[in-house]
PDB file of all heavy atoms in Angstrom:
ATOM      1  N   ALA A   1       0.818  -1.204   0.006  1.00  0.00           N
ATOM      2  CA  ALA A   1      -0.011  -0.005   0.001  1.00  0.00           C
ATOM      3  C   ALA A   1       0.860   1.272   0.004  1.00  0.00           C
ATOM      4  O   ALA A   1       0.354   2.341  -0.359  1.00  0.00           O
ATOM      5  CB  ALA A   1      -0.934   0.013   1.232  1.00  0.00           C
ATOM      6  N   VAL A   2       2.119   1.168   0.357  1.00  0.00           N
ATOM      7  CA  VAL A   2       3.000   2.344   0.389  1.00  0.00           C
ATOM      8  C   VAL A   2       3.083   2.966  -1.007  1.00  0.00           C
ATOM      9  O   VAL A   2       3.238   4.183  -1.143  1.00  0.00           O
ATOM     10  CB  VAL A   2       4.438   1.946   0.855  1.00  0.00           C
ATOM     11  CG1 VAL A   2       5.420   3.064   0.580  1.00  0.00           C
ATOM     12  CG2 VAL A   2       4.378   1.616   2.330  1.00  0.00           C
ATOM     13  N   GLU A   3       2.898   2.157  -2.056  1.00  0.00           N
ATOM     14  CA  GLU A   3       2.954   2.687  -3.411  1.00  0.00           C
ATOM     15  C   GLU A   3       1.849   3.728  -3.656  1.00  0.00           C
ATOM     16  O   GLU A   3       1.983   4.592  -4.517  1.00  0.00           O
ATOM     17  CB  GLU A   3       2.811   1.553  -4.426  1.00  0.00           C
ATOM     18  CG  GLU A   3       3.961   0.557  -4.379  1.00  0.00           C
ATOM     19  CD  GLU A   3       3.816  -0.551  -5.399  1.00  0.00           C
ATOM     20  OE1 GLU A   3       2.861  -0.449  -6.231  1.00  0.00           O
ATOM     21  OE2 GLU A   3       4.613  -1.502  -5.368  1.00  0.00           O
ATOM     22  N   ALA A   4       0.769   3.622  -2.891  1.00  0.00           N
ATOM     23  CA  ALA A   4      -0.310   4.598  -3.001  1.00  0.00           C
ATOM     24  C   ALA A   4      -0.094   5.784  -2.055  1.00  0.00           C
ATOM     25  O   ALA A   4      -0.914   6.706  -2.024  1.00  0.00           O
ATOM     26  CB  ALA A   4      -1.641   3.928  -2.685  1.00  0.00           C
ATOM     27  N   GLY A   5       0.980   5.775  -1.325  1.00  0.00           N
ATOM     28  CA  GLY A   5       1.272   6.839  -0.347  1.00  0.00           C
ATOM     29  C   GLY A   5       1.476   6.298   1.051  1.00  0.00           C
ATOM     30  O   GLY A   5       0.758   5.408   1.482  1.00  0.00           O
ATOM     31  N   TYR A   6       2.458   6.861   1.732  1.00  0.00           N
ATOM     32  CA  TYR A   6       2.773   6.346   3.064  1.00  0.00           C
ATOM     33  C   TYR A   6       1.631   6.540   4.042  1.00  0.00           C
ATOM     34  O   TYR A   6       1.380   5.678   4.870  1.00  0.00           O
ATOM     35  CB  TYR A   6       4.038   7.047   3.590  1.00  0.00           C
ATOM     36  CG  TYR A   6       4.449   6.574   4.976  1.00  0.00           C
ATOM     37  CD1 TYR A   6       4.802   5.242   5.221  1.00  0.00           C
ATOM     38  CD2 TYR A   6       4.424   7.459   6.067  1.00  0.00           C
ATOM     39  CE1 TYR A   6       5.184   4.804   6.461  1.00  0.00           C
ATOM     40  CE2 TYR A   6       4.800   7.010   7.339  1.00  0.00           C
ATOM     41  CZ  TYR A   6       5.159   5.704   7.519  1.00  0.00           C
ATOM     42  OH  TYR A   6       5.501   5.265   8.772  1.00  0.00           O
ATOM     43  N   LEU A   7       0.912   7.640   3.957  1.00  0.00           N
ATOM     44  CA  LEU A   7      -0.207   7.882   4.870  1.00  0.00           C
ATOM     45  C   LEU A   7      -1.297   6.834   4.688  1.00  0.00           C
ATOM     46  O   LEU A   7      -1.939   6.429   5.656  1.00  0.00           O
ATOM     47  CB  LEU A   7      -0.774   9.285   4.650  1.00  0.00           C
ATOM     48  CG  LEU A   7       0.132  10.431   5.096  1.00  0.00           C
ATOM     49  CD1 LEU A   7      -0.551  11.776   4.822  1.00  0.00           C
ATOM     50  CD2 LEU A   7       0.479  10.330   6.572  1.00  0.00           C
ATOM     51  N   PHE A   8      -1.479   6.399   3.454  1.00  0.00           N
ATOM     52  CA  PHE A   8      -2.477   5.358   3.189  1.00  0.00           C
ATOM     53  C   PHE A   8      -2.070   4.060   3.906  1.00  0.00           C
ATOM     54  O   PHE A   8      -2.900   3.385   4.506  1.00  0.00           O
ATOM     55  CB  PHE A   8      -2.612   5.127   1.688  1.00  0.00           C
ATOM     56  CG  PHE A   8      -3.650   4.102   1.321  1.00  0.00           C
ATOM     57  CD1 PHE A   8      -5.006   4.421   1.380  1.00  0.00           C
ATOM     58  CD2 PHE A   8      -3.303   2.814   0.942  1.00  0.00           C
ATOM     59  CE1 PHE A   8      -5.987   3.452   1.052  1.00  0.00           C
ATOM     60  CE2 PHE A   8      -4.255   1.858   0.617  1.00  0.00           C
ATOM     61  CZ  PHE A   8      -5.584   2.193   0.670  1.00  0.00           C
ATOM     62  N   ALA A   9      -0.769   3.721   3.811  1.00  0.00           N
ATOM     63  CA  ALA A   9      -0.281   2.508   4.459  1.00  0.00           C
ATOM     64  C   ALA A   9      -0.357   2.684   5.982  1.00  0.00           C
ATOM     65  O   ALA A   9      -0.699   1.750   6.711  1.00  0.00           O
ATOM     66  CB  ALA A   9       1.149   2.230   4.031  1.00  0.00           C
ATOM     67  N   LEU A  10      -0.039   3.882   6.459  1.00  0.00           N
ATOM     68  CA  LEU A  10      -0.018   4.143   7.905  1.00  0.00           C
ATOM     69  C   LEU A  10      -1.410   3.995   8.516  1.00  0.00           C
ATOM     70  O   LEU A  10      -1.559   3.648   9.695  1.00  0.00           O
ATOM     71  CB  LEU A  10       0.516   5.550   8.158  1.00  0.00           C
ATOM     72  CG  LEU A  10       1.095   5.818   9.562  1.00  0.00           C
ATOM     73  CD1 LEU A  10       2.277   4.911   9.814  1.00  0.00           C
ATOM     74  CD2 LEU A  10       1.489   7.268   9.712  1.00  0.00           C
ATOM     75  N   ALA A  11      -2.450   4.223   7.705  1.00  0.00           N
ATOM     76  CA  ALA A  11      -3.806   4.077   8.213  1.00  0.00           C
ATOM     77  C   ALA A  11      -4.120   2.652   8.617  1.00  0.00           C
ATOM     78  O   ALA A  11      -5.061   2.412   9.376  1.00  0.00           O
ATOM     79  CB  ALA A  11      -4.805   4.560   7.146  1.00  0.00           C
ATOM     80  N   LEU A  12      -3.341   1.699   8.097  1.00  0.00           N
ATOM     81  CA  LEU A  12      -3.527   0.288   8.463  1.00  0.00           C
ATOM     82  C   LEU A  12      -2.763  -0.132   9.693  1.00  0.00           C
ATOM     83  O   LEU A  12      -2.833  -1.290  10.081  1.00  0.00           O
ATOM     84  CB  LEU A  12      -3.101  -0.582   7.258  1.00  0.00           C
ATOM     85  CG  LEU A  12      -3.835  -0.339   5.939  1.00  0.00           C
ATOM     86  CD1 LEU A  12      -3.176  -1.152   4.826  1.00  0.00           C
ATOM     87  CD2 LEU A  12      -5.298  -0.668   6.065  1.00  0.00           C
ATOM     88  N   THR A  13      -2.024   0.801  10.302  1.00  0.00           N
ATOM     89  CA  THR A  13      -1.155   0.475  11.424  1.00  0.00           C
ATOM     90  C   THR A  13      -1.942  -0.100  12.606  1.00  0.00           C
ATOM     91  O   THR A  13      -1.575  -1.128  13.189  1.00  0.00           O
ATOM     92  CB  THR A  13      -0.379   1.694  11.887  1.00  0.00           C
ATOM     93  OG1 THR A  13       0.462   2.162  10.835  1.00  0.00           O
ATOM     94  CG2 THR A  13       0.494   1.353  13.106  1.00  0.00           C
ATOM     95  N   LEU A  14      -3.035   0.557  12.983  1.00  0.00           N
ATOM     96  CA  LEU A  14      -3.788   0.111  14.159  1.00  0.00           C
ATOM     97  C   LEU A  14      -4.357  -1.310  13.977  1.00  0.00           C
ATOM     98  O   LEU A  14      -4.133  -2.163  14.838  1.00  0.00           O
ATOM     99  CB  LEU A  14      -4.897   1.103  14.498  1.00  0.00           C
ATOM    100  CG  LEU A  14      -5.745   0.746  15.744  1.00  0.00           C
ATOM    101  CD1 LEU A  14      -4.860   0.606  16.976  1.00  0.00           C
ATOM    102  CD2 LEU A  14      -6.838   1.780  15.939  1.00  0.00           C
ATOM    103  N   PRO A  15      -5.112  -1.595  12.900  1.00  0.00           N
ATOM    104  CA  PRO A  15      -5.592  -2.982  12.759  1.00  0.00           C
ATOM    105  C   PRO A  15      -4.450  -4.003  12.655  1.00  0.00           C
ATOM    106  O   PRO A  15      -4.556  -5.089  13.193  1.00  0.00           O
ATOM    107  CB  PRO A  15      -6.436  -2.959  11.486  1.00  0.00           C
ATOM    108  CG  PRO A  15      -6.061  -1.692  10.783  1.00  0.00           C
ATOM    109  CD  PRO A  15      -5.626  -0.740  11.828  1.00  0.00           C
ATOM    110  N   ALA A  16      -3.345  -3.638  11.956  1.00  0.00           N
ATOM    111  CA  ALA A  16      -2.244  -4.553  11.847  1.00  0.00           C
ATOM    112  C   ALA A  16      -1.619  -4.811  13.225  1.00  0.00           C
ATOM    113  O   ALA A  16      -1.247  -5.952  13.542  1.00  0.00           O
ATOM    114  CB  ALA A  16      -1.188  -3.985  10.880  1.00  0.00           C
ATOM    115  N   GLY A  17      -1.502  -3.749  14.020  1.00  0.00           N
ATOM    116  CA  GLY A  17      -0.952  -3.904  15.368  1.00  0.00           C
ATOM    117  C   GLY A  17      -1.846  -4.796  16.240  1.00  0.00           C
ATOM    118  O   GLY A  17      -1.341  -5.622  16.993  1.00  0.00           O
ATOM    119  N   LEU A  18      -3.146  -4.676  16.078  1.00  0.00           N
ATOM    120  CA  LEU A  18      -4.066  -5.506  16.853  1.00  0.00           C
ATOM    121  C   LEU A  18      -4.006  -6.962  16.401  1.00  0.00           C
ATOM    122  O   LEU A  18      -4.115  -7.881  17.206  1.00  0.00           O
ATOM    123  CB  LEU A  18      -5.502  -4.929  16.759  1.00  0.00           C
ATOM    124  CG  LEU A  18      -5.718  -3.591  17.461  1.00  0.00           C
ATOM    125  CD1 LEU A  18      -7.118  -3.084  17.167  1.00  0.00           C
ATOM    126  CD2 LEU A  18      -5.470  -3.714  18.962  1.00  0.00           C
ATOM    127  N   PHE A  19      -3.833  -7.171  15.099  1.00  0.00           N
ATOM    128  CA  PHE A  19      -3.695  -8.564  14.596  1.00  0.00           C
ATOM    129  C   PHE A  19      -2.410  -9.187  15.173  1.00  0.00           C
ATOM    130  O   PHE A  19      -2.378 -10.347  15.540  1.00  0.00           O
ATOM    131  CB  PHE A  19      -3.655  -8.597  13.082  1.00  0.00           C
ATOM    132  CG  PHE A  19      -5.013  -8.593  12.432  1.00  0.00           C
ATOM    133  CD1 PHE A  19      -5.412  -7.571  11.587  1.00  0.00           C
ATOM    134  CD2 PHE A  19      -5.894  -9.652  12.697  1.00  0.00           C
ATOM    135  CE1 PHE A  19      -6.683  -7.589  10.995  1.00  0.00           C
ATOM    136  CE2 PHE A  19      -7.160  -9.672  12.096  1.00  0.00           C
ATOM    137  CZ  PHE A  19      -7.547  -8.641  11.267  1.00  0.00           C
ATOM    138  N   LEU A  20      -1.339  -8.401  15.209  1.00  0.00           N
ATOM    139  CA  LEU A  20      -0.074  -8.868  15.757  1.00  0.00           C
ATOM    140  C   LEU A  20      -0.253  -9.181  17.256  1.00  0.00           C
ATOM    141  O   LEU A  20       0.286 -10.172  17.748  1.00  0.00           O
ATOM    142  CB  LEU A  20       1.040  -7.847  15.560  1.00  0.00           C
ATOM    143  CG  LEU A  20       2.446  -8.284  16.020  1.00  0.00           C
ATOM    144  CD1 LEU A  20       2.880  -9.560  15.327  1.00  0.00           C
ATOM    145  CD2 LEU A  20       3.450  -7.159  15.764  1.00  0.00           C
ATOM    146  N   LEU A  21      -0.984  -8.344  17.962  1.00  0.00           N
ATOM    147  CA  LEU A  21      -1.254  -8.606  19.375  1.00  0.00           C
ATOM    148  C   LEU A  21      -2.000  -9.920  19.551  1.00  0.00           C
ATOM    149  O   LEU A  21      -1.683 -10.740  20.444  1.00  0.00           O
ATOM    150  CB  LEU A  21      -2.100  -7.472  19.974  1.00  0.00           C
ATOM    151  CG  LEU A  21      -2.587  -7.653  21.387  1.00  0.00           C
ATOM    152  CD1 LEU A  21      -1.424  -7.730  22.364  1.00  0.00           C
ATOM    153  CD2 LEU A  21      -3.569  -6.518  21.776  1.00  0.00           C
ATOM    154  N   ARG A  22      -2.961 -10.185  18.685  1.00  0.00           N
ATOM    155  CA  ARG A  22      -3.692 -11.442  18.783  1.00  0.00           C
ATOM    156  C   ARG A  22      -2.781 -12.635  18.521  1.00  0.00           C
ATOM    157  O   ARG A  22      -2.890 -13.683  19.187  1.00  0.00           O
ATOM    158  CB  ARG A  22      -4.893 -11.439  17.784  1.00  0.00           C
ATOM    159  CG  ARG A  22      -5.702 -12.738  17.876  1.00  0.00           C
ATOM    160  CD  ARG A  22      -6.957 -12.664  17.003  1.00  0.00           C
ATOM    161  NE  ARG A  22      -7.593 -13.943  16.866  1.00  0.00           N
ATOM    162  CZ  ARG A  22      -8.492 -14.456  17.699  1.00  0.00           C
ATOM    163  NH1 ARG A  22      -8.856 -13.783  18.777  1.00  0.00           N
ATOM    164  NH2 ARG A  22      -9.045 -15.640  17.464  1.00  0.00           N
ATOM    165  N   LEU A  23      -1.857 -12.493  17.569  1.00  0.00           N
ATOM    166  CA  LEU A  23      -0.887 -13.581  17.351  1.00  0.00           C
ATOM    167  C   LEU A  23      -0.032 -13.809  18.581  1.00  0.00           C
ATOM    168  O   LEU A  23       0.263 -14.977  18.923  1.00  0.00           O
ATOM    169  CB  LEU A  23       0.008 -13.222  16.150  1.00  0.00           C
ATOM    170  CG  LEU A  23      -0.622 -13.259  14.767  1.00  0.00           C
ATOM    171  CD1 LEU A  23       0.402 -12.907  13.711  1.00  0.00           C
ATOM    172  CD2 LEU A  23      -1.208 -14.666  14.484  1.00  0.00           C
ATOM    173  N   PHE A  24       0.361 -12.746  19.254  1.00  0.00           N
ATOM    174  CA  PHE A  24       1.143 -12.905  20.490  1.00  0.00           C
ATOM    175  C   PHE A  24       0.331 -13.627  21.544  1.00  0.00           C
ATOM    176  O   PHE A  24       0.876 -14.488  22.282  1.00  0.00           O
ATOM    177  CB  PHE A  24       1.569 -11.531  21.034  1.00  0.00           C
ATOM    178  CG  PHE A  24       2.328 -11.631  22.325  1.00  0.00           C
ATOM    179  CD1 PHE A  24       3.688 -11.916  22.337  1.00  0.00           C
ATOM    180  CD2 PHE A  24       1.683 -11.446  23.553  1.00  0.00           C
ATOM    181  CE1 PHE A  24       4.398 -12.022  23.534  1.00  0.00           C
ATOM    182  CE2 PHE A  24       2.375 -11.555  24.739  1.00  0.00           C
ATOM    183  CZ  PHE A  24       3.738 -11.839  24.733  1.00  0.00           C
ATOM    184  N   LEU A  25      -0.958 -13.350  21.637  1.00  0.00           N
ATOM    185  CA  LEU A  25      -1.795 -13.998  22.641  1.00  0.00           C
ATOM    186  C   LEU A  25      -2.090 -15.463  22.282  1.00  0.00           C
ATOM    187  O   LEU A  25      -2.272 -16.297  23.177  1.00  0.00           O
ATOM    188  CB  LEU A  25      -3.091 -13.207  22.831  1.00  0.00           C
ATOM    189  CG  LEU A  25      -2.833 -11.852  23.497  1.00  0.00           C
ATOM    190  CD1 LEU A  25      -4.080 -10.960  23.422  1.00  0.00           C
ATOM    191  CD2 LEU A  25      -2.401 -12.026  24.943  1.00  0.00           C
ATOM    192  N   ILE A  26      -2.080 -15.784  20.978  1.00  0.00           N
ATOM    193  CA  ILE A  26      -2.139 -17.196  20.610  1.00  0.00           C
ATOM    194  C   ILE A  26      -0.838 -17.887  21.017  1.00  0.00           C
ATOM    195  O   ILE A  26      -0.847 -19.013  21.563  1.00  0.00           O
ATOM    196  CB  ILE A  26      -2.377 -17.343  19.098  1.00  0.00           C
ATOM    197  CG1 ILE A  26      -3.796 -16.859  18.744  1.00  0.00           C
ATOM    198  CG2 ILE A  26      -2.190 -18.794  18.656  1.00  0.00           C
ATOM    199  CD1 ILE A  26      -4.099 -16.813  17.264  1.00  0.00           C
ATOM    200  N   GLN A  27       0.280 -17.215  20.819  1.00  0.00           N
ATOM    201  CA  GLN A  27       1.573 -17.732  21.280  1.00  0.00           C
ATOM    202  C   GLN A  27       1.550 -17.918  22.792  1.00  0.00           C
ATOM    203  O   GLN A  27       2.096 -18.888  23.320  1.00  0.00           O
ATOM    204  CB  GLN A  27       2.690 -16.756  20.915  1.00  0.00           C
ATOM    205  CG  GLN A  27       4.082 -17.194  21.342  1.00  0.00           C
ATOM    206  CD  GLN A  27       5.145 -16.144  21.037  1.00  0.00           C
ATOM    207  OE1 GLN A  27       4.874 -15.122  20.412  1.00  0.00           O
ATOM    208  NE2 GLN A  27       6.380 -16.403  21.484  1.00  0.00           N
ATOM    209  N   HIS A  28       0.913 -16.999  23.498  1.00  0.00           N
ATOM    210  CA  HIS A  28       0.770 -17.096  24.950  1.00  0.00           C
ATOM    211  C   HIS A  28       0.044 -18.371  25.368  1.00  0.00           C
ATOM    212  O   HIS A  28       0.480 -19.103  26.260  1.00  0.00           O
ATOM    213  CB  HIS A  28       0.020 -15.854  25.447  1.00  0.00           C
ATOM    214  CG  HIS A  28      -0.563 -15.988  26.814  1.00  0.00           C
ATOM    215  ND1 HIS A  28      -1.839 -16.456  27.021  1.00  0.00           N
ATOM    216  CD2 HIS A  28      -0.093 -15.690  28.043  1.00  0.00           C
ATOM    217  CE1 HIS A  28      -2.114 -16.468  28.310  1.00  0.00           C
ATOM    218  NE2 HIS A  28      -1.052 -15.987  28.961  1.00  0.00           N
ATOM    219  N   ASP A  29      -1.050 -18.690  24.672  1.00  0.00           N
ATOM    220  CA  ASP A  29      -1.776 -19.903  24.981  1.00  0.00           C
ATOM    221  C   ASP A  29      -0.965 -21.150  24.614  1.00  0.00           C
ATOM    222  O   ASP A  29      -1.068 -22.188  25.270  1.00  0.00           O
ATOM    223  CB  ASP A  29      -3.139 -19.913  24.270  1.00  0.00           C
ATOM    224  CG  ASP A  29      -4.246 -19.423  25.163  1.00  0.00           C
ATOM    225  OD1 ASP A  29      -3.943 -18.578  26.058  1.00  0.00           O
ATOM    226  OD2 ASP A  29      -5.391 -19.822  24.990  1.00  0.00           O
ATOM    227  N   CYS A  30      -0.173 -21.070  23.520  1.00  0.00           N
ATOM    228  CA  CYS A  30       0.706 -22.179  23.178  1.00  0.00           C
ATOM    229  C   CYS A  30       1.654 -22.461  24.337  1.00  0.00           C
ATOM    230  O   CYS A  30       1.958 -23.620  24.669  1.00  0.00           O
ATOM    231  CB  CYS A  30       1.458 -21.868  21.910  1.00  0.00           C
ATOM    232  SG  CYS A  30       0.470 -21.894  20.410  1.00  0.00           S
ATOM    233  N   GLY A  31       2.167 -21.399  24.974  1.00  0.00           N
ATOM    234  CA  GLY A  31       3.084 -21.564  26.067  1.00  0.00           C
ATOM    235  C   GLY A  31       2.462 -22.278  27.263  1.00  0.00           C
ATOM    236  O   GLY A  31       3.145 -22.947  28.023  1.00  0.00           O
ATOM    237  N   HIS A  32       1.147 -22.133  27.408  1.00  0.00           N
ATOM    238  CA  HIS A  32       0.435 -22.810  28.481  1.00  0.00           C
ATOM    239  C   HIS A  32      -0.019 -24.223  28.045  1.00  0.00           C
ATOM    240  O   HIS A  32      -0.593 -24.975  28.819  1.00  0.00           O
ATOM    241  CB  HIS A  32      -0.808 -22.031  28.885  1.00  0.00           C
ATOM    242  CG  HIS A  32      -0.499 -20.828  29.735  1.00  0.00           C
ATOM    243  ND1 HIS A  32       0.001 -20.939  30.997  1.00  0.00           N
ATOM    244  CD2 HIS A  32      -0.602 -19.485  29.477  1.00  0.00           C
ATOM    245  CE1 HIS A  32       0.177 -19.714  31.509  1.00  0.00           C
ATOM    246  NE2 HIS A  32      -0.167 -18.832  30.616  1.00  0.00           N
ATOM    247  N   GLY A  33       0.253 -24.552  26.771  1.00  0.00           N
ATOM    248  CA  GLY A  33      -0.161 -25.867  26.270  1.00  0.00           C
ATOM    249  C   GLY A  33      -1.646 -25.975  26.097  1.00  0.00           C
ATOM    250  O   GLY A  33      -2.197 -27.087  26.137  1.00  0.00           O
ATOM    251  N   SER A  34      -2.347 -24.872  25.865  1.00  0.00           N
ATOM    252  CA  SER A  34      -3.806 -24.874  25.850  1.00  0.00           C
ATOM    253  C   SER A  34      -4.438 -24.578  24.499  1.00  0.00           C
ATOM    254  O   SER A  34      -5.634 -24.839  24.287  1.00  0.00           O
ATOM    255  CB  SER A  34      -4.355 -23.875  26.859  1.00  0.00           C
ATOM    256  OG  SER A  34      -3.951 -22.551  26.552  1.00  0.00           O
ATOM    257  N   PHE A  35      -3.687 -24.004  23.533  1.00  0.00           N
ATOM    258  CA  PHE A  35      -4.302 -23.606  22.292  1.00  0.00           C
ATOM    259  C   PHE A  35      -4.659 -24.797  21.427  1.00  0.00           C
ATOM    260  O   PHE A  35      -5.743 -24.873  20.851  1.00  0.00           O
ATOM    261  CB  PHE A  35      -3.361 -22.659  21.521  1.00  0.00           C
ATOM    262  CG  PHE A  35      -3.988 -22.081  20.272  1.00  0.00           C
ATOM    263  CD1 PHE A  35      -5.044 -21.210  20.354  1.00  0.00           C
ATOM    264  CD2 PHE A  35      -3.530 -22.453  19.018  1.00  0.00           C
ATOM    265  CE1 PHE A  35      -5.618 -20.678  19.200  1.00  0.00           C
ATOM    266  CE2 PHE A  35      -4.101 -21.925  17.881  1.00  0.00           C
ATOM    267  CZ  PHE A  35      -5.141 -21.043  17.970  1.00  0.00           C
ATOM    268  N   LEU A  36      -3.734 -25.766  21.323  1.00  0.00           N
ATOM    269  CA  LEU A  36      -3.952 -27.009  20.574  1.00  0.00           C
ATOM    270  C   LEU A  36      -3.927 -28.203  21.535  1.00  0.00           C
ATOM    271  O   LEU A  36      -3.529 -28.056  22.692  1.00  0.00           O
ATOM    272  CB  LEU A  36      -2.871 -27.173  19.492  1.00  0.00           C
ATOM    273  CG  LEU A  36      -2.768 -26.016  18.466  1.00  0.00           C
ATOM    274  CD1 LEU A  36      -1.548 -26.175  17.595  1.00  0.00           C
ATOM    275  CD2 LEU A  36      -4.052 -25.943  17.621  1.00  0.00           C
ATOM    276  N   LYS A  37      -4.326 -29.344  21.044  1.00  0.00           N
ATOM    277  CA  LYS A  37      -4.427 -30.505  21.922  1.00  0.00           C
ATOM    278  C   LYS A  37      -3.067 -31.092  22.320  1.00  0.00           C
ATOM    279  O   LYS A  37      -2.875 -31.522  23.451  1.00  0.00           O
ATOM    280  CB  LYS A  37      -5.261 -31.606  21.234  1.00  0.00           C
ATOM    281  CG  LYS A  37      -6.756 -31.245  21.136  1.00  0.00           C
ATOM    282  CD  LYS A  37      -7.545 -32.407  20.496  1.00  0.00           C
ATOM    283  CE  LYS A  37      -9.006 -32.052  20.450  1.00  0.00           C
ATOM    284  NZ  LYS A  37      -9.821 -33.175  19.877  1.00  0.00           N
ATOM    285  N   LYS A  38      -2.097 -31.118  21.390  1.00  0.00           N
ATOM    286  CA  LYS A  38      -0.823 -31.768  21.653  1.00  0.00           C
ATOM    287  C   LYS A  38       0.208 -30.736  22.041  1.00  0.00           C
ATOM    288  O   LYS A  38       0.294 -29.653  21.478  1.00  0.00           O
ATOM    289  CB  LYS A  38      -0.362 -32.528  20.400  1.00  0.00           C
ATOM    290  CG  LYS A  38      -1.274 -33.699  20.046  1.00  0.00           C
ATOM    291  CD  LYS A  38      -0.702 -34.465  18.858  1.00  0.00           C
ATOM    292  CE  LYS A  38      -1.598 -35.666  18.531  1.00  0.00           C
ATOM    293  NZ  LYS A  38      -1.077 -36.434  17.373  1.00  0.00           N
ATOM    294  N   ARG A  39       1.039 -31.096  23.026  1.00  0.00           N
ATOM    295  CA  ARG A  39       2.098 -30.214  23.524  1.00  0.00           C
ATOM    296  C   ARG A  39       3.052 -29.828  22.423  1.00  0.00           C
ATOM    297  O   ARG A  39       3.428 -28.667  22.279  1.00  0.00           O
ATOM    298  CB  ARG A  39       2.863 -30.941  24.628  1.00  0.00           C
ATOM    299  CG  ARG A  39       4.025 -30.166  25.232  1.00  0.00           C
ATOM    300  CD  ARG A  39       3.519 -29.238  26.295  1.00  0.00           C
ATOM    301  NE  ARG A  39       3.862 -27.877  26.000  1.00  0.00           N
ATOM    302  CZ  ARG A  39       3.658 -26.855  26.854  1.00  0.00           C
ATOM    303  NH1 ARG A  39       3.093 -27.090  28.031  1.00  0.00           N
ATOM    304  NH2 ARG A  39       3.977 -25.630  26.538  1.00  0.00           N
ATOM    305  N   ALA A  40       3.478 -30.816  21.602  1.00  0.00           N
ATOM    306  CA  ALA A  40       4.445 -30.522  20.520  1.00  0.00           C
ATOM    307  C   ALA A  40       3.863 -29.551  19.502  1.00  0.00           C
ATOM    308  O   ALA A  40       4.577 -28.681  19.018  1.00  0.00           O
ATOM    309  CB  ALA A  40       4.857 -31.815  19.829  1.00  0.00           C
ATOM    310  N   SER A  41       2.579 -29.683  19.210  1.00  0.00           N
ATOM    311  CA  SER A  41       1.932 -28.774  18.254  1.00  0.00           C
ATOM    312  C   SER A  41       1.913 -27.356  18.816  1.00  0.00           C
ATOM    313  O   SER A  41       2.180 -26.374  18.086  1.00  0.00           O
ATOM    314  CB  SER A  41       0.502 -29.245  17.976  1.00  0.00           C
ATOM    315  OG  SER A  41       0.511 -30.546  17.412  1.00  0.00           O
ATOM    316  N   ASN A  42       1.588 -27.248  20.091  1.00  0.00           N
ATOM    317  CA  ASN A  42       1.617 -25.924  20.750  1.00  0.00           C
ATOM    318  C   ASN A  42       3.022 -25.311  20.660  1.00  0.00           C
ATOM    319  O   ASN A  42       3.175 -24.127  20.348  1.00  0.00           O
ATOM    320  CB  ASN A  42       1.196 -26.041  22.207  1.00  0.00           C
ATOM    321  CG  ASN A  42      -0.318 -26.114  22.383  1.00  0.00           C
ATOM    322  OD1 ASN A  42      -1.014 -25.155  22.129  1.00  0.00           O
ATOM    323  ND2 ASN A  42      -0.779 -27.250  22.828  1.00  0.00           N
ATOM    324  N   ASP A  43       4.029 -26.113  20.947  1.00  0.00           N
ATOM    325  CA  ASP A  43       5.401 -25.602  21.001  1.00  0.00           C
ATOM    326  C   ASP A  43       5.870 -25.131  19.635  1.00  0.00           C
ATOM    327  O   ASP A  43       6.482 -24.042  19.512  1.00  0.00           O
ATOM    328  CB  ASP A  43       6.360 -26.673  21.542  1.00  0.00           C
ATOM    329  CG  ASP A  43       6.177 -26.922  23.036  1.00  0.00           C
ATOM    330  OD1 ASP A  43       5.549 -26.058  23.672  1.00  0.00           O
ATOM    331  OD2 ASP A  43       6.600 -27.940  23.509  1.00  0.00           O
ATOM    332  N   TRP A  44       5.614 -25.905  18.586  1.00  0.00           N
ATOM    333  CA  TRP A  44       6.107 -25.506  17.274  1.00  0.00           C
ATOM    334  C   TRP A  44       5.342 -24.308  16.702  1.00  0.00           C
ATOM    335  O   TRP A  44       5.925 -23.429  16.069  1.00  0.00           O
ATOM    336  CB  TRP A  44       6.052 -26.673  16.292  1.00  0.00           C
ATOM    337  CG  TRP A  44       7.183 -27.632  16.502  1.00  0.00           C
ATOM    338  CD1 TRP A  44       7.151 -28.881  17.059  1.00  0.00           C
ATOM    339  CD2 TRP A  44       8.554 -27.354  16.225  1.00  0.00           C
ATOM    340  NE1 TRP A  44       8.395 -29.425  17.113  1.00  0.00           N
ATOM    341  CE2 TRP A  44       9.301 -28.513  16.637  1.00  0.00           C
ATOM    342  CE3 TRP A  44       9.273 -26.268  15.688  1.00  0.00           C
ATOM    343  CZ2 TRP A  44      10.688 -28.583  16.524  1.00  0.00           C
ATOM    344  CZ3 TRP A  44      10.644 -26.355  15.585  1.00  0.00           C
ATOM    345  CH2 TRP A  44      11.358 -27.478  15.960  1.00  0.00           C
ATOM    346  N   LEU A  45       4.064 -24.233  16.990  1.00  0.00           N
ATOM    347  CA  LEU A  45       3.332 -23.038  16.574  1.00  0.00           C
ATOM    348  C   LEU A  45       3.807 -21.823  17.371  1.00  0.00           C
ATOM    349  O   LEU A  45       3.976 -20.735  16.802  1.00  0.00           O
ATOM    350  CB  LEU A  45       1.825 -23.247  16.836  1.00  0.00           C
ATOM    351  CG  LEU A  45       0.922 -22.050  16.505  1.00  0.00           C
ATOM    352  CD1 LEU A  45       1.079 -21.630  15.039  1.00  0.00           C
ATOM    353  CD2 LEU A  45      -0.523 -22.345  16.834  1.00  0.00           C
ATOM    354  N   GLY A  46       4.043 -22.018  18.658  1.00  0.00           N
ATOM    355  CA  GLY A  46       4.574 -20.918  19.469  1.00  0.00           C
ATOM    356  C   GLY A  46       5.900 -20.409  18.991  1.00  0.00           C
ATOM    357  O   GLY A  46       6.155 -19.197  18.944  1.00  0.00           O
TER     358      GLY A  46
END
């Protein structure tokens, strides 16, 4: 989107940041072994 202007790309910062936060919280649940059924699956996804 930067090709259309940096401000246009910057407008996507907040939703992108929130998506990244959600990924971190999925990683958080992997650390607890709770997101997926198998421990190894949690660890590799984390």
